[in-house]
Amino acid sequence: MSAPPLTTRLPEWLDQEIRDYFKDAGIGVSTGMKQIAEEWWIMRNMPSVEIRDGVTGPRAALKNGPDIWQIIMVKKGYGDDLKGLSEHFGDLPMENIDTAVAFYRLFPEQIDAKLRENERAMQFLMKAFG
């Protein structure tokens, strides 16, 4: 269930910057504002997570660490063995593993989209070079 819409008045320069960003990203205002609100929440509540821009769009990552989608992808092979998962990433601290798992629970659509993208790329490479 969605909450009622929030509205605000922005200075013209900021309104234009935001609209230009959304246009360049190929997203609508509603989707873009949701993205901004989620990123704000992540910065306040998950300080070990950062949002990195890339050619495939923004992606969540651990500061000075791997992207969260990478941790979740590898976790599928480790199941509940979080210690093994930590060791896989060079003894990544357990609080970072916990943060990645918590992020996935809150924002599964973001991570699942990256996992699908990675799978599609792997299938393409296997066909092309496999």
C-alpha atoms as a PDB file:
ATOM      1  CA  MET A   1       0.000   0.000   0.000  1.00  0.00           C
ATOM      2  CA  SER A   2       1.353   3.388  -0.957  1.00  0.00           C
ATOM      3  CA  ALA A   3       1.226   6.451   1.226  1.00  0.00           C
ATOM      4  CA  PRO A   4      -0.509   9.623   0.043  1.00  0.00           C
ATOM      5  CA  PRO A   5       1.687  11.766  -2.227  1.00  0.00           C
ATOM      6  CA  LEU A   6       4.045  14.313  -0.699  1.00  0.00           C
ATOM      7  CA  THR A   7       4.348  17.697  -2.333  1.00  0.00           C
ATOM      8  CA  THR A   8       6.793  20.541  -1.911  1.00  0.00           C
ATOM      9  CA  ARG A   9       7.818  23.726  -3.632  1.00  0.00           C
ATOM     10  CA  LEU A  10      11.404  23.819  -4.812  1.00  0.00           C
ATOM     11  CA  PRO A  11      13.515  26.714  -5.996  1.00  0.00           C
ATOM     12  CA  GLU A  12      13.392  26.885  -9.795  1.00  0.00           C
ATOM     13  CA  TRP A  13      17.054  25.947 -10.214  1.00  0.00           C
ATOM     14  CA  LEU A  14      16.662  22.800  -8.101  1.00  0.00           C
ATOM     15  CA  ASP A  15      13.426  21.815  -9.826  1.00  0.00           C
ATOM     16  CA  GLN A  16      15.170  22.097 -13.201  1.00  0.00           C
ATOM     17  CA  GLU A  17      18.225  20.125 -12.022  1.00  0.00           C
ATOM     18  CA  ILE A  18      16.020  17.306 -10.750  1.00  0.00           C
ATOM     19  CA  ARG A  19      13.889  17.218 -13.889  1.00  0.00           C
ATOM     20  CA  ASP A  20      17.007  17.202 -16.091  1.00  0.00           C
ATOM     21  CA  TYR A  21      18.443  14.331 -14.055  1.00  0.00           C
ATOM     22  CA  PHE A  22      15.230  12.324 -14.418  1.00  0.00           C
ATOM     23  CA  LYS A  23      15.113  13.017 -18.153  1.00  0.00           C
ATOM     24  CA  ASP A  24      18.738  11.920 -18.611  1.00  0.00           C
ATOM     25  CA  ALA A  25      18.068   8.784 -16.531  1.00  0.00           C
ATOM     26  CA  GLY A  26      14.931   8.023 -18.551  1.00  0.00           C
ATOM     27  CA  ILE A  27      12.679   7.940 -15.511  1.00  0.00           C
ATOM     28  CA  GLY A  28       9.542   9.814 -14.590  1.00  0.00           C
ATOM     29  CA  VAL A  29       9.188  12.332 -11.787  1.00  0.00           C
ATOM     30  CA  SER A  30       7.340   9.934  -9.473  1.00  0.00           C
ATOM     31  CA  THR A  31       9.897   7.151  -9.910  1.00  0.00           C
ATOM     32  CA  GLY A  32      12.740   9.628  -9.562  1.00  0.00           C
ATOM     33  CA  MET A  33      11.390  11.190  -6.388  1.00  0.00           C
ATOM     34  CA  LYS A  34      10.908   7.710  -4.909  1.00  0.00           C
ATOM     35  CA  GLN A  35      14.549   6.982  -5.742  1.00  0.00           C
ATOM     36  CA  ILE A  36      15.680  10.228  -4.067  1.00  0.00           C
ATOM     37  CA  ALA A  37      13.617   9.464  -0.944  1.00  0.00           C
ATOM     38  CA  GLU A  38      15.000   5.919  -0.725  1.00  0.00           C
ATOM     39  CA  GLU A  39      18.582   7.151  -1.123  1.00  0.00           C
ATOM     40  CA  TRP A  40      18.009   9.722   1.630  1.00  0.00           C
ATOM     41  CA  TRP A  41      16.657   6.987   3.909  1.00  0.00           C
ATOM     42  CA  ILE A  42      19.596   4.712   3.126  1.00  0.00           C
ATOM     43  CA  MET A  43      22.113   7.488   3.946  1.00  0.00           C
ATOM     44  CA  ARG A  44      20.423   8.132   7.308  1.00  0.00           C
ATOM     45  CA  ASN A  45      19.810   4.529   8.340  1.00  0.00           C
ATOM     46  CA  MET A  46      22.523   2.458   6.659  1.00  0.00           C
ATOM     47  CA  PRO A  47      25.680   4.574   6.907  1.00  0.00           C
ATOM     48  CA  SER A  48      27.894   1.752   5.610  1.00  0.00           C
ATOM     49  CA  VAL A  49      25.964   1.775   2.291  1.00  0.00           C
ATOM     50  CA  GLU A  50      26.586   4.178  -0.566  1.00  0.00           C
ATOM     51  CA  ILE A  51      24.865   4.611  -3.899  1.00  0.00           C
ATOM     52  CA  ARG A  52      27.279   4.431  -6.829  1.00  0.00           C
ATOM     53  CA  ASP A  53      26.465   5.682 -10.298  1.00  0.00           C
ATOM     54  CA  GLY A  54      27.415   3.517 -13.229  1.00  0.00           C
ATOM     55  CA  VAL A  55      26.591   2.811 -16.847  1.00  0.00           C
ATOM     56  CA  THR A  56      23.636   0.661 -15.758  1.00  0.00           C
ATOM     57  CA  GLY A  57      22.364   3.301 -13.340  1.00  0.00           C
ATOM     58  CA  PRO A  58      22.682   3.718  -9.583  1.00  0.00           C
ATOM     59  CA  ARG A  59      23.567   0.716  -7.475  1.00  0.00           C
ATOM     60  CA  ALA A  60      23.912   0.140  -3.745  1.00  0.00           C
ATOM     61  CA  ALA A  61      27.310  -0.884  -2.412  1.00  0.00           C
ATOM     62  CA  LEU A  62      29.162  -1.139   0.851  1.00  0.00           C
ATOM     63  CA  LYS A  63      31.525   1.789   1.364  1.00  0.00           C
ATOM     64  CA  ASN A  64      34.987   0.583   0.374  1.00  0.00           C
ATOM     65  CA  GLY A  65      33.448  -2.773  -0.509  1.00  0.00           C
ATOM     66  CA  PRO A  66      31.522  -4.737  -3.094  1.00  0.00           C
ATOM     67  CA  ASP A  67      28.140  -3.926  -4.557  1.00  0.00           C
ATOM     68  CA  ILE A  68      25.297  -5.376  -2.523  1.00  0.00           C
ATOM     69  CA  TRP A  69      23.972  -7.325  -5.519  1.00  0.00           C
ATOM     70  CA  GLN A  70      27.347  -9.112  -5.687  1.00  0.00           C
ATOM     71  CA  ILE A  71      27.097 -10.151  -2.037  1.00  0.00           C
ATOM     72  CA  ILE A  72      23.531 -11.408  -2.523  1.00  0.00           C
ATOM     73  CA  MET A  73      24.505 -13.286  -5.703  1.00  0.00           C
ATOM     74  CA  VAL A  74      27.344 -15.074  -3.915  1.00  0.00           C
ATOM     75  CA  LYS A  75      25.163 -15.638  -0.817  1.00  0.00           C
ATOM     76  CA  LYS A  76      22.871 -17.856  -2.880  1.00  0.00           C
ATOM     77  CA  GLY A  77      25.750 -20.354  -3.116  1.00  0.00           C
ATOM     78  CA  TYR A  78      26.524 -20.157   0.604  1.00  0.00           C
ATOM     79  CA  GLY A  79      22.950 -20.416   1.877  1.00  0.00           C
ATOM     80  CA  ASP A  80      22.948 -19.715   5.617  1.00  0.00           C
ATOM     81  CA  ASP A  81      26.766 -19.927   5.926  1.00  0.00           C
ATOM     82  CA  LEU A  82      27.366 -16.242   6.552  1.00  0.00           C
ATOM     83  CA  LYS A  83      30.874 -16.894   7.901  1.00  0.00           C
ATOM     84  CA  GLY A  84      31.789 -18.578   4.618  1.00  0.00           C
ATOM     85  CA  LEU A  85      30.265 -15.647   2.751  1.00  0.00           C
ATOM     86  CA  SER A  86      32.339 -13.227   4.839  1.00  0.00           C
ATOM     87  CA  GLU A  87      35.497 -15.216   4.055  1.00  0.00           C
ATOM     88  CA  HIS A  88      34.626 -15.258   0.348  1.00  0.00           C
ATOM     89  CA  PHE A  89      34.842 -11.454   0.376  1.00  0.00           C
ATOM     90  CA  GLY A  90      38.185 -11.351   2.230  1.00  0.00           C
ATOM     91  CA  ASP A  91      36.760 -11.533   5.750  1.00  0.00           C
ATOM     92  CA  LEU A  92      34.204  -8.818   5.183  1.00  0.00           C
ATOM     93  CA  PRO A  93      32.960  -7.833   8.665  1.00  0.00           C
ATOM     94  CA  MET A  94      29.765  -9.641   9.689  1.00  0.00           C
ATOM     95  CA  GLU A  95      27.970  -6.333  10.274  1.00  0.00           C
ATOM     96  CA  ASN A  96      28.519  -5.567   6.584  1.00  0.00           C
ATOM     97  CA  ILE A  97      27.109  -8.964   5.605  1.00  0.00           C
ATOM     98  CA  ASP A  98      24.118  -8.292   7.875  1.00  0.00           C
ATOM     99  CA  THR A  99      23.674  -4.837   6.316  1.00  0.00           C
ATOM    100  CA  ALA A 100      23.707  -6.298   2.789  1.00  0.00           C
ATOM    101  CA  VAL A 101      21.097  -8.899   3.750  1.00  0.00           C
ATOM    102  CA  ALA A 102      18.950  -6.252   5.475  1.00  0.00           C
ATOM    103  CA  PHE A 103      19.228  -4.001   2.410  1.00  0.00           C
ATOM    104  CA  TYR A 104      18.064  -6.865   0.203  1.00  0.00           C
ATOM    105  CA  ARG A 105      15.054  -7.459   2.460  1.00  0.00           C
ATOM    106  CA  LEU A 106      14.079  -3.775   2.212  1.00  0.00           C
ATOM    107  CA  PHE A 107      14.859  -3.208  -1.482  1.00  0.00           C
ATOM    108  CA  PRO A 108      14.641  -6.579  -3.228  1.00  0.00           C
ATOM    109  CA  GLU A 109      13.548  -5.051  -6.530  1.00  0.00           C
ATOM    110  CA  GLN A 110      16.801  -3.065  -6.805  1.00  0.00           C
ATOM    111  CA  ILE A 111      18.995  -6.085  -6.153  1.00  0.00           C
ATOM    112  CA  ASP A 112      16.905  -8.527  -8.201  1.00  0.00           C
ATOM    113  CA  ALA A 113      17.125  -6.164 -11.193  1.00  0.00           C
ATOM    114  CA  LYS A 114      20.943  -6.181 -10.952  1.00  0.00           C
ATOM    115  CA  LEU A 115      20.966  -9.981 -10.585  1.00  0.00           C
ATOM    116  CA  ARG A 116      18.805 -10.353 -13.711  1.00  0.00           C
ATOM    117  CA  GLU A 117      21.061  -7.937 -15.573  1.00  0.00           C
ATOM    118  CA  ASN A 118      24.138  -9.930 -14.558  1.00  0.00           C
ATOM    119  CA  GLU A 119      22.505 -13.222 -15.587  1.00  0.00           C
ATOM    120  CA  ARG A 120      21.537 -11.762 -18.965  1.00  0.00           C
ATOM    121  CA  ALA A 121      25.103 -10.554 -19.529  1.00  0.00           C
ATOM    122  CA  MET A 122      26.519 -13.952 -18.532  1.00  0.00           C
ATOM    123  CA  GLN A 123      24.185 -15.741 -20.947  1.00  0.00           C
ATOM    124  CA  PHE A 124      25.215 -13.368 -23.730  1.00  0.00           C
ATOM    125  CA  LEU A 125      28.901 -13.994 -23.037  1.00  0.00           C
ATOM    126  CA  MET A 126      28.385 -17.767 -22.905  1.00  0.00           C
ATOM    127  CA  LYS A 127      26.654 -17.683 -26.298  1.00  0.00           C
ATOM    128  CA  ALA A 128      29.248 -15.363 -27.808  1.00  0.00           C
ATOM    129  CA  PHE A 129      32.386 -16.956 -26.380  1.00  0.00           C
ATOM    130  CA  GLY A 130      31.283 -20.161 -24.667  1.00  0.00           C
END
